[in-house]
């Protein structure tokens, strides 16, 4: 398994491509202990080798303490799917979260137009997220999100390009806090990577691993 490091995805979907700065690390080092422990677990997580992940600048106004990662599912020099995972922490608690931590995510991939037209696709994609968490034995509170599919058709000077379809999953949930008020962020990251792999159409990670299944009729890899 590869350590949680690698190159960034292409930064689409409004993702900030800035790397983790020294100032970001200093702020994390002075944060409350539960947040520091949660971030350390994310930094040291080990993932399947096809997933390349790297810290990125987190949003600053969603919570007093934030940490973010960007990831891409990579096949050679081609991206199969990418996404962003943000950890939020408010020591005072947040009424909407029903807890002190919150995970927020964006996952996206391109699909064959025929699959994108499947009326059950949004429900299936949402079940991939909940199923990935359940497969890791994780419980969470206050889940919410959207599944969006979009199609692009090209005309004029771009008419030679084939139609393109994309699926996008945006979601957030409250991870269950364990000892010392710290959630098992490494396990949540692993579940999130299972979702990325599933959207990318990767086969299961190993014998008996049913948490990742192949996505049929997926559009071919996109060049980096």
Protein backbone atom coordinates (compact mmCIF):
# COMPACT_ATOMS: atom_id res chain seq x y z
CA UNK A 1 0.00 0.00 0.00
CA UNK A 2 1.20 3.51 -0.75
CA UNK A 3 1.52 6.22 1.85
CA UNK A 4 -0.92 9.12 1.67
CA UNK A 5 1.10 11.33 -0.62
CA UNK A 6 1.40 12.08 -4.32
CA UNK A 7 0.52 14.64 -6.94
CA UNK A 8 -2.63 16.71 -7.05
CA UNK A 9 -5.54 16.24 -9.38
CA UNK A 10 -6.28 18.97 -11.92
CA UNK A 11 -8.03 21.22 -9.37
CA UNK A 12 -11.36 21.40 -11.19
CA UNK A 13 -14.59 22.16 -9.38
CA UNK A 14 -13.16 25.25 -7.73
CA UNK A 15 -10.54 23.38 -5.73
CA UNK A 16 -7.65 25.53 -4.53
CA UNK A 17 -4.39 24.06 -5.82
CA UNK A 18 -2.24 25.69 -3.10
CA UNK A 19 -0.10 23.25 -1.11
CA UNK A 20 -0.08 23.02 2.66
CA UNK A 21 2.08 25.94 3.80
CA UNK A 22 4.34 26.27 6.81
CA UNK A 23 1.80 28.66 8.32
CA UNK A 24 -0.92 26.03 7.87
CA UNK A 25 1.23 23.51 9.74
CA UNK A 26 1.93 25.97 12.55
CA UNK A 27 -1.78 26.67 12.94
CA UNK A 28 -2.49 22.93 13.04
CA UNK A 29 0.21 22.46 15.71
CA UNK A 30 -1.49 25.02 17.99
CA UNK A 31 -5.01 23.64 17.45
CA UNK A 32 -6.87 21.64 20.13
CA UNK A 33 -5.51 18.16 20.77
CA UNK A 34 -8.54 16.29 19.32
CA UNK A 35 -8.15 18.17 16.03
CA UNK A 36 -4.38 17.59 15.93
CA UNK A 37 -4.92 13.87 16.54
CA UNK A 38 -7.55 13.70 13.80
CA UNK A 39 -5.26 15.48 11.33
CA UNK A 40 -2.28 13.29 12.23
CA UNK A 41 -4.36 10.21 11.42
CA UNK A 42 -5.18 11.67 8.00
CA UNK A 43 -1.53 12.54 7.31
CA UNK A 44 -0.26 9.05 8.12
CA UNK A 45 -3.03 6.98 6.52
CA UNK A 46 -1.96 4.33 4.02
CA UNK A 47 -3.99 3.89 0.85
CA UNK A 48 -4.14 1.67 -2.21
CA UNK A 49 -1.43 2.69 -4.70
CA UNK A 50 -3.79 3.94 -7.42
CA UNK A 51 -4.92 6.81 -5.20
CA UNK A 52 -2.62 9.81 -5.01
CA UNK A 53 -3.43 12.26 -2.25
CA UNK A 54 -1.97 15.53 -1.03
CA UNK A 55 -2.83 18.33 1.41
CA UNK A 56 -4.42 21.44 -0.06
CA UNK A 57 -5.45 24.77 1.40
CA UNK A 58 -8.74 24.30 3.29
CA UNK A 59 -11.67 26.72 3.33
CA UNK A 60 -11.22 29.27 6.11
CA UNK A 61 -14.75 30.28 7.12
CA UNK A 62 -16.57 26.99 7.63
CA UNK A 63 -15.17 26.22 11.07
CA UNK A 64 -12.51 27.46 13.53
CA UNK A 65 -10.20 24.61 12.51
CA UNK A 66 -10.03 22.99 9.06
CA UNK A 67 -7.82 20.58 7.14
CA UNK A 68 -8.21 19.46 3.52
CA UNK A 69 -6.91 16.80 1.16
CA UNK A 70 -7.17 16.42 -2.60
CA UNK A 71 -6.95 13.04 -4.27
CA UNK A 72 -6.94 11.50 -7.72
CA UNK A 73 -7.38 7.91 -8.85
CA UNK A 74 -4.51 7.52 -11.31
CA UNK A 75 -3.77 5.00 -14.05
CA UNK A 76 -0.35 5.85 -15.47
CA UNK A 77 -0.61 9.49 -16.50
CA UNK A 78 -4.42 9.49 -16.63
CA UNK A 79 -6.98 10.50 -13.98
CA UNK A 80 -9.96 8.21 -13.54
CA UNK A 81 -11.66 10.25 -10.79
CA UNK A 82 -10.75 12.99 -8.34
CA UNK A 83 -12.08 14.66 -5.25
CA UNK A 84 -11.55 16.69 -2.12
CA UNK A 85 -12.09 15.83 1.55
CA UNK A 86 -12.29 18.56 4.21
CA UNK A 87 -12.18 18.02 7.98
CA UNK A 88 -13.94 20.69 10.04
CA UNK A 89 -13.69 21.12 13.81
CA UNK A 90 -15.52 23.42 16.20
CA UNK A 91 -14.61 22.69 19.84
CA UNK A 92 -17.80 24.39 21.01
CA UNK A 93 -19.92 22.04 18.93
CA UNK A 94 -22.23 22.86 16.07
CA UNK A 95 -25.99 22.44 16.26
CA UNK A 96 -26.36 21.41 12.61
CA UNK A 97 -23.55 18.86 12.89
CA UNK A 98 -24.68 17.40 16.22
CA UNK A 99 -21.00 17.11 17.11
CA UNK A 100 -17.66 18.91 17.06
CA UNK A 101 -16.32 17.40 13.81
CA UNK A 102 -17.66 17.35 10.28
CA UNK A 103 -16.38 15.82 7.04
CA UNK A 104 -17.21 17.48 3.72
CA UNK A 105 -16.45 15.97 0.34
CA UNK A 106 -16.60 16.41 -3.41
CA UNK A 107 -16.03 13.42 -5.73
CA UNK A 108 -16.33 13.48 -9.50
CA UNK A 109 -15.70 11.33 -12.56
CA UNK A 110 -16.64 11.22 -16.23
CA UNK A 111 -19.13 8.60 -17.43
CA UNK A 112 -20.46 7.20 -20.63
CA UNK A 113 -23.58 9.20 -21.63
CA UNK A 114 -25.73 6.05 -21.55
CA UNK A 115 -24.97 5.45 -17.91
CA UNK A 116 -25.35 9.11 -17.01
CA UNK A 117 -28.90 8.89 -18.39
CA UNK A 118 -29.86 6.07 -15.99
CA UNK A 119 -32.67 7.49 -13.83
CA UNK A 120 -31.45 5.47 -10.82
CA UNK A 121 -27.87 6.77 -11.00
CA UNK A 122 -28.20 9.45 -8.25
CA UNK A 123 -29.62 6.95 -5.76
CA UNK A 124 -26.94 4.41 -6.67
CA UNK A 125 -24.13 6.95 -6.24
CA UNK A 126 -25.44 8.00 -2.83
CA UNK A 127 -25.59 4.33 -1.80
CA UNK A 128 -21.92 4.01 -2.80
CA UNK A 129 -21.03 6.64 -0.18
CA UNK A 130 -23.16 5.17 2.60
CA UNK A 131 -22.07 1.66 1.64
CA UNK A 132 -18.39 2.61 1.76
CA UNK A 133 -18.83 3.93 5.32
CA UNK A 134 -20.81 0.89 6.42
CA UNK A 135 -18.27 -1.51 4.88
CA UNK A 136 -15.62 0.03 7.14
CA UNK A 137 -17.86 -0.36 10.19
CA UNK A 138 -18.33 3.40 10.53
CA UNK A 139 -21.35 5.21 11.89
CA UNK A 140 -22.07 8.86 11.19
CA UNK A 141 -24.68 11.46 11.98
CA UNK A 142 -26.58 14.09 10.05
CA UNK A 143 -25.56 12.94 6.54
CA UNK A 144 -26.53 15.23 3.69
CA UNK A 145 -25.52 15.81 0.11
CA UNK A 146 -26.30 15.99 -3.58
CA UNK A 147 -25.56 13.88 -6.64
CA UNK A 148 -25.33 15.89 -9.85
CA UNK A 149 -24.92 14.65 -13.40
CA UNK A 150 -24.07 16.99 -16.23
CA UNK A 151 -23.65 16.53 -19.97
CA UNK A 152 -21.65 18.60 -22.45
CA UNK A 153 -22.29 18.67 -26.20
CA UNK A 154 -19.88 20.37 -28.57
CA UNK A 155 -20.67 22.46 -31.65
CA UNK A 156 -18.94 24.49 -34.32
CA UNK A 157 -15.18 24.28 -34.09
CA UNK A 158 -15.52 21.79 -31.23
CA UNK A 159 -18.03 19.52 -32.96
CA UNK A 160 -15.44 16.74 -33.42
CA UNK A 161 -15.39 16.17 -29.68
CA UNK A 162 -17.67 13.43 -28.39
CA UNK A 163 -20.38 14.31 -25.90
CA UNK A 164 -19.14 14.11 -22.31
CA UNK A 165 -21.03 13.29 -19.12
CA UNK A 166 -19.90 13.77 -15.55
CA UNK A 167 -21.11 12.62 -12.16
CA UNK A 168 -20.44 14.72 -9.07
CA UNK A 169 -21.09 13.72 -5.46
CA UNK A 170 -21.10 16.42 -2.78
CA UNK A 171 -21.73 15.27 0.76
CA UNK A 172 -21.05 15.91 4.42
CA UNK A 173 -21.47 13.87 7.58
CA UNK A 174 -20.59 13.94 11.27
CA UNK A 175 -18.09 11.21 12.23
CA UNK A 176 -18.66 9.45 15.51
CA UNK A 177 -16.18 10.64 18.14
CA UNK A 178 -14.17 8.06 20.05
CA UNK A 179 -11.80 8.28 23.01
CA UNK A 180 -10.76 11.83 23.82
CA UNK A 181 -13.41 13.17 21.46
CA UNK A 182 -11.38 12.10 18.41
CA UNK A 183 -13.11 10.46 15.41
CA UNK A 184 -11.40 7.67 13.48
CA UNK A 185 -10.48 9.92 10.57
CA UNK A 186 -8.12 7.35 9.04
CA UNK A 187 -11.03 4.92 8.64
CA UNK A 188 -13.24 7.67 7.20
CA UNK A 189 -10.47 8.55 4.75
CA UNK A 190 -10.20 4.89 3.74
CA UNK A 191 -13.96 4.75 3.16
CA UNK A 192 -13.78 7.95 1.11
CA UNK A 193 -11.01 6.42 -1.00
CA UNK A 194 -13.20 3.33 -1.47
CA UNK A 195 -15.85 5.68 -2.88
CA UNK A 196 -13.28 7.32 -5.19
CA UNK A 197 -12.15 3.91 -6.42
CA UNK A 198 -15.71 2.78 -6.99
CA UNK A 199 -16.59 5.88 -8.99
CA UNK A 200 -13.38 5.38 -10.99
CA UNK A 201 -14.38 1.81 -11.82
CA UNK A 202 -11.47 0.08 -10.10
CA UNK A 203 -11.77 -3.61 -9.20
CA UNK A 204 -11.82 -4.64 -5.52
CA UNK A 205 -8.60 -3.88 -3.66
CA UNK A 206 -8.04 -7.51 -2.68
CA UNK A 207 -9.65 -10.96 -2.32
CA UNK A 208 -12.88 -10.76 -0.41
CA UNK A 209 -13.01 -6.96 -0.50
CA UNK A 210 -16.54 -6.14 -1.64
CA UNK A 211 -16.34 -2.46 -0.77
CA UNK A 212 -15.18 -1.53 -4.28
CA UNK A 213 -16.98 -2.71 -7.41
CA UNK A 214 -16.46 -1.99 -11.07
CA UNK A 215 -18.53 0.80 -12.56
CA UNK A 216 -19.71 -0.31 -16.02
CA UNK A 217 -19.95 1.92 -19.08
CA UNK A 218 -17.49 4.40 -17.64
CA UNK A 219 -15.87 6.93 -19.98
CA UNK A 220 -12.18 6.28 -20.65
CA UNK A 221 -9.41 7.83 -18.53
CA UNK A 222 -8.69 11.51 -18.96
CA UNK A 223 -5.14 12.63 -19.75
CA UNK A 224 -3.42 14.56 -17.02
